[in-house]
C-alpha atoms as a PDB file:
ATOM      1  CA  MET A   1       2.374 -41.680  21.489  1.00  0.00           C
ATOM      2  CA  ALA A   2       4.551 -38.644  20.707  1.00  0.00           C
ATOM      3  CA  THR A   3       2.930 -35.283  20.208  1.00  0.00           C
ATOM      4  CA  LEU A   4       4.041 -32.923  17.497  1.00  0.00           C
ATOM      5  CA  LYS A   5       5.698 -29.639  18.306  1.00  0.00           C
ATOM      6  CA  PRO A   6       3.378 -26.648  17.835  1.00  0.00           C
ATOM      7  CA  SER A   7       5.400 -25.448  14.839  1.00  0.00           C
ATOM      8  CA  VAL A   8       4.945 -28.825  13.130  1.00  0.00           C
ATOM      9  CA  GLN A   9       1.252 -28.901  13.971  1.00  0.00           C
ATOM     10  CA  ASN A  10       0.838 -25.449  12.412  1.00  0.00           C
ATOM     11  CA  SER A  11       2.667 -26.495   9.252  1.00  0.00           C
ATOM     12  CA  ILE A  12       0.183 -29.293   8.623  1.00  0.00           C
ATOM     13  CA  ALA A  13      -2.898 -27.175   9.206  1.00  0.00           C
ATOM     14  CA  PRO A  14      -5.947 -28.053   7.141  1.00  0.00           C
ATOM     15  CA  VAL A  15      -6.189 -26.521   3.692  1.00  0.00           C
ATOM     16  CA  ALA A  16      -9.163 -24.421   4.780  1.00  0.00           C
ATOM     17  CA  ASN A  17      -7.013 -22.661   7.366  1.00  0.00           C
ATOM     18  CA  ARG A  18      -4.347 -21.991   4.760  1.00  0.00           C
ATOM     19  CA  VAL A  19      -6.955 -20.532   2.414  1.00  0.00           C
ATOM     20  CA  ASP A  20      -8.296 -18.368   5.243  1.00  0.00           C
ATOM     21  CA  LEU A  21      -4.776 -17.196   5.987  1.00  0.00           C
ATOM     22  CA  ALA A  22      -4.093 -16.406   2.329  1.00  0.00           C
ATOM     23  CA  GLU A  23      -7.341 -14.417   2.124  1.00  0.00           C
ATOM     24  CA  HIS A  24      -6.459 -12.554   5.316  1.00  0.00           C
ATOM     25  CA  VAL A  25      -2.974 -11.719   4.031  1.00  0.00           C
ATOM     26  CA  ASN A  26      -4.467 -10.528   0.735  1.00  0.00           C
ATOM     27  CA  ARG A  27      -7.072  -8.321   2.465  1.00  0.00           C
ATOM     28  CA  THR A  28      -4.357  -6.902   4.691  1.00  0.00           C
ATOM     29  CA  GLY A  29      -2.238  -6.158   1.620  1.00  0.00           C
ATOM     30  CA  ALA A  30      -5.124  -4.371  -0.075  1.00  0.00           C
ATOM     31  CA  GLU A  31      -5.716  -2.268   3.046  1.00  0.00           C
ATOM     32  CA  PHE A  32      -2.014  -1.427   3.203  1.00  0.00           C
ATOM     33  CA  LEU A  33      -2.081  -0.188  -0.391  1.00  0.00           C
ATOM     34  CA  LYS A  34      -5.108   2.002   0.310  1.00  0.00           C
ATOM     35  CA  LEU A  35      -3.594   3.435   3.479  1.00  0.00           C
ATOM     36  CA  ASP A  36      -0.236   4.091   1.853  1.00  0.00           C
ATOM     37  CA  LEU A  37      -1.947   5.993  -0.954  1.00  0.00           C
ATOM     38  CA  GLU A  38      -3.931   8.052   1.529  1.00  0.00           C
ATOM     39  CA  LEU A  39      -0.719   8.798   3.381  1.00  0.00           C
ATOM     40  CA  GLY A  40       0.906   9.801   0.101  1.00  0.00           C
ATOM     41  CA  LEU A  41      -1.988  12.161  -0.633  1.00  0.00           C
ATOM     42  CA  THR A  42      -1.698  13.654   2.836  1.00  0.00           C
ATOM     43  CA  PHE A  43       2.002  14.331   2.312  1.00  0.00           C
ATOM     44  CA  SER A  44       1.463  15.734  -1.174  1.00  0.00           C
ATOM     45  CA  GLY A  45      -1.237  18.062   0.186  1.00  0.00           C
ATOM     46  CA  ILE A  46       1.138  19.290   2.867  1.00  0.00           C
ATOM     47  CA  ALA A  47       3.881  19.757   0.265  1.00  0.00           C
ATOM     48  CA  LEU A  48       1.593  21.709  -2.052  1.00  0.00           C
ATOM     49  CA  GLN A  49       0.727  24.119   0.770  1.00  0.00           C
ATOM     50  CA  ALA A  50       4.188  24.361   2.334  1.00  0.00           C
ATOM     51  CA  GLN A  51       5.903  27.716   2.282  1.00  0.00           C
ATOM     52  CA  ASP A  52       9.180  26.319   3.624  1.00  0.00           C
ATOM     53  CA  SER A  53      11.226  24.736   0.814  1.00  0.00           C
ATOM     54  CA  GLU A  54      12.740  22.079   3.118  1.00  0.00           C
ATOM     55  CA  ARG A  55       9.331  20.986   4.363  1.00  0.00           C
ATOM     56  CA  ARG A  56       8.008  20.979   0.802  1.00  0.00           C
ATOM     57  CA  ALA A  57      10.904  18.811  -0.401  1.00  0.00           C
ATOM     58  CA  ARG A  58      10.666  16.419   2.564  1.00  0.00           C
ATOM     59  CA  THR A  59       6.929  15.852   2.250  1.00  0.00           C
ATOM     60  CA  ARG A  60       7.202  15.581  -1.557  1.00  0.00           C
ATOM     61  CA  GLN A  61       9.790  12.823  -1.091  1.00  0.00           C
ATOM     62  CA  LEU A  62       7.570  10.995   1.390  1.00  0.00           C
ATOM     63  CA  SER A  63       4.650  11.279  -1.002  1.00  0.00           C
ATOM     64  CA  ARG A  64       6.740   9.922  -3.873  1.00  0.00           C
ATOM     65  CA  LYS A  65       7.923   7.041  -1.698  1.00  0.00           C
ATOM     66  CA  ALA A  66       4.301   6.064  -1.005  1.00  0.00           C
ATOM     67  CA  TYR A  67       3.498   6.259  -4.735  1.00  0.00           C
ATOM     68  CA  ASP A  68       6.488   4.108  -5.682  1.00  0.00           C
ATOM     69  CA  THR A  69       5.754   1.592  -2.926  1.00  0.00           C
ATOM     70  CA  VAL A  70       2.175   1.093  -4.100  1.00  0.00           C
ATOM     71  CA  LEU A  71       3.301   0.680  -7.718  1.00  0.00           C
ATOM     72  CA  ARG A  72       5.881  -1.884  -6.646  1.00  0.00           C
ATOM     73  CA  LEU A  73       3.540  -3.930  -4.443  1.00  0.00           C
ATOM     74  CA  MET A  74       0.131  -3.695  -6.100  1.00  0.00           C
ATOM     75  CA  HIS A  75       0.752  -6.633  -8.449  1.00  0.00           C
ATOM     76  CA  ARG A  76       1.171  -8.907  -5.417  1.00  0.00           C
ATOM     77  CA  VAL A  77      -2.371  -8.321  -4.175  1.00  0.00           C
ATOM     78  CA  LYS A  78      -5.557  -9.674  -5.722  1.00  0.00           C
ATOM     79  CA  LEU A  79      -7.964  -6.745  -5.684  1.00  0.00           C
ATOM     80  CA  THR A  80     -11.696  -6.757  -6.141  1.00  0.00           C
ATOM     81  CA  ASP A  81     -12.895  -4.768  -9.147  1.00  0.00           C
ATOM     82  CA  GLU A  82     -14.108  -2.037  -6.822  1.00  0.00           C
ATOM     83  CA  ASP A  83     -10.791  -1.894  -4.951  1.00  0.00           C
ATOM     84  CA  ALA A  84      -8.825  -1.901  -8.213  1.00  0.00           C
ATOM     85  CA  GLN A  85     -10.845   1.029  -9.548  1.00  0.00           C
ATOM     86  CA  SER A  86     -10.513   2.942  -6.288  1.00  0.00           C
ATOM     87  CA  LEU A  87      -6.777   2.288  -6.192  1.00  0.00           C
ATOM     88  CA  ALA A  88      -6.379   3.429  -9.804  1.00  0.00           C
ATOM     89  CA  ARG A  89      -8.290   6.680  -9.137  1.00  0.00           C
ATOM     90  CA  THR A  90      -6.230   7.424  -6.053  1.00  0.00           C
ATOM     91  CA  LEU A  91      -2.985   6.655  -7.872  1.00  0.00           C
ATOM     92  CA  ILE A  92      -3.955   9.129 -10.584  1.00  0.00           C
ATOM     93  CA  ARG A  93      -4.713  11.819  -7.972  1.00  0.00           C
ATOM     94  CA  LEU A  94      -1.385  11.220  -6.262  1.00  0.00           C
ATOM     95  CA  LYS A  95       0.482  11.214  -9.563  1.00  0.00           C
ATOM     96  CA  CYS A  96      -1.095  14.567 -10.488  1.00  0.00           C
ATOM     97  CA  ASP A  97      -0.053  16.038  -7.142  1.00  0.00           C
ATOM     98  CA  LEU A  98       3.479  14.754  -7.602  1.00  0.00           C
ATOM     99  CA  VAL A  99       3.706  16.228 -11.089  1.00  0.00           C
ATOM    100  CA  MET A 100       2.520  19.580  -9.714  1.00  0.00           C
ATOM    101  CA  LEU A 101       5.305  19.291  -7.156  1.00  0.00           C
ATOM    102  CA  GLY A 102       7.855  18.847  -9.926  1.00  0.00           C
ATOM    103  CA  GLU A 103       8.270  15.086  -9.869  1.00  0.00           C
ATOM    104  CA  ILE A 104       8.985  13.401 -13.192  1.00  0.00           C
ATOM    105  CA  ILE A 105       6.894  10.247 -13.413  1.00  0.00           C
END
Protein backbone atom coordinates (compact mmCIF):
# COMPACT_ATOMS: atom_id res chain seq x y z
CA MET A 1 0.00 0.00 0.00
CA ALA A 2 1.36 3.44 -0.95
CA THR A 3 1.89 6.03 1.73
CA LEU A 4 0.99 9.64 1.20
CA LYS A 5 3.63 12.32 1.05
CA PRO A 6 3.80 14.42 4.24
CA SER A 7 2.44 17.47 2.39
CA VAL A 8 -0.61 15.48 1.27
CA GLN A 9 -1.12 14.05 4.74
CA ASN A 10 -1.06 17.57 6.19
CA SER A 11 -3.59 18.82 3.65
CA ILE A 12 -6.13 16.23 4.77
CA ALA A 13 -5.70 16.88 8.47
CA PRO A 14 -8.79 16.46 10.61
CA VAL A 15 -11.10 19.44 10.89
CA ALA A 16 -10.22 19.83 14.57
CA ASN A 17 -6.59 20.47 13.66
CA ARG A 18 -7.64 23.05 11.09
CA VAL A 19 -9.82 24.80 13.67
CA ASP A 20 -6.92 24.75 16.14
CA LEU A 21 -4.66 26.22 13.49
CA ALA A 22 -7.17 28.93 12.61
CA GLU A 23 -7.52 29.84 16.30
CA HIS A 24 -3.74 29.93 16.68
CA VAL A 25 -3.34 32.16 13.62
CA ASN A 26 -6.07 34.46 14.94
CA ARG A 27 -4.49 34.71 18.42
CA THR A 28 -1.13 35.40 16.81
CA GLY A 29 -2.71 38.14 14.70
CA ALA A 30 -4.28 39.74 17.76
CA GLU A 31 -0.93 39.69 19.56
CA PHE A 32 0.75 41.23 16.53
CA LEU A 33 -1.75 44.09 16.52
CA LYS A 34 -1.18 44.75 20.22
CA LEU A 35 2.60 44.66 19.85
CA ASP A 36 2.59 46.89 16.79
CA LEU A 37 0.51 49.47 18.66
CA GLU A 38 2.86 49.35 21.62
CA LEU A 39 5.77 49.82 19.25
CA GLY A 40 3.97 52.75 17.65
CA LEU A 41 3.45 54.32 21.08
CA THR A 42 7.12 53.81 21.90
CA PHE A 43 8.15 55.58 18.70
CA SER A 44 5.66 58.40 19.20
CA GLY A 45 6.96 58.91 22.76
CA ILE A 46 10.51 59.12 21.46
CA ALA A 47 9.40 61.55 18.74
CA LEU A 48 7.57 63.76 21.22
CA GLN A 49 10.71 64.04 23.35
CA ALA A 50 13.24 64.31 20.51
CA GLN A 51 15.21 67.51 20.21
CA ASP A 52 16.77 66.50 16.89
CA SER A 53 14.37 67.19 14.00
CA GLU A 54 15.64 64.21 11.96
CA ARG A 55 15.12 61.80 14.84
CA ARG A 56 11.70 63.31 15.51
CA ALA A 57 10.67 62.90 11.87
CA ARG A 58 12.04 59.35 11.62
CA THR A 59 10.34 58.10 14.77
CA ARG A 60 7.10 59.93 13.85
CA GLN A 61 7.12 58.09 10.51
CA LEU A 62 7.70 54.75 12.22
CA SER A 63 4.88 55.48 14.63
CA ARG A 64 2.54 56.39 11.78
CA LYS A 65 3.49 53.21 9.93
CA ALA A 66 2.49 51.13 12.97
CA TYR A 67 -0.82 53.03 13.22
CA ASP A 68 -1.60 52.52 9.53
CA THR A 69 -0.61 48.85 9.66
CA VAL A 70 -2.96 48.14 12.56
CA LEU A 71 -5.82 49.97 10.83
CA ARG A 72 -5.21 47.98 7.67
CA LEU A 73 -5.00 44.57 9.36
CA MET A 74 -7.38 44.76 12.31
CA HIS A 75 -10.44 43.73 10.28
CA ARG A 76 -8.74 40.41 9.49
CA VAL A 77 -8.57 39.35 13.13
CA LYS A 78 -11.48 38.24 15.29
CA LEU A 79 -10.94 40.00 18.61
CA THR A 80 -12.53 39.28 21.94
CA ASP A 81 -14.57 42.16 23.34
CA GLU A 82 -11.81 42.87 25.83
CA ASP A 83 -9.12 42.86 23.14
CA ALA A 84 -11.24 45.04 20.85
CA GLN A 85 -11.73 47.62 23.61
CA SER A 86 -8.04 47.57 24.52
CA LEU A 87 -7.06 47.93 20.87
CA ALA A 88 -9.47 50.84 20.40
CA ARG A 89 -8.10 52.66 23.48
CA THR A 90 -4.53 52.19 22.34
CA LEU A 91 -5.35 53.33 18.81
CA ILE A 92 -6.87 56.51 20.23
CA ARG A 93 -3.74 57.16 22.34
CA LEU A 94 -1.50 56.63 19.33
CA LYS A 95 -3.68 58.81 17.12
CA CYS A 96 -3.50 61.63 19.70
CA ASP A 97 0.28 61.36 19.81
CA LEU A 98 0.47 61.44 16.03
CA VAL A 99 -1.75 64.51 15.85
CA MET A 100 0.49 66.23 18.41
CA LEU A 101 3.40 65.38 16.15
CA GLY A 102 1.69 67.10 13.23
CA GLU A 103 0.23 64.11 11.44
CA ILE A 104 -3.07 64.64 9.65
CA ILE A 105 -5.30 61.65 10.33
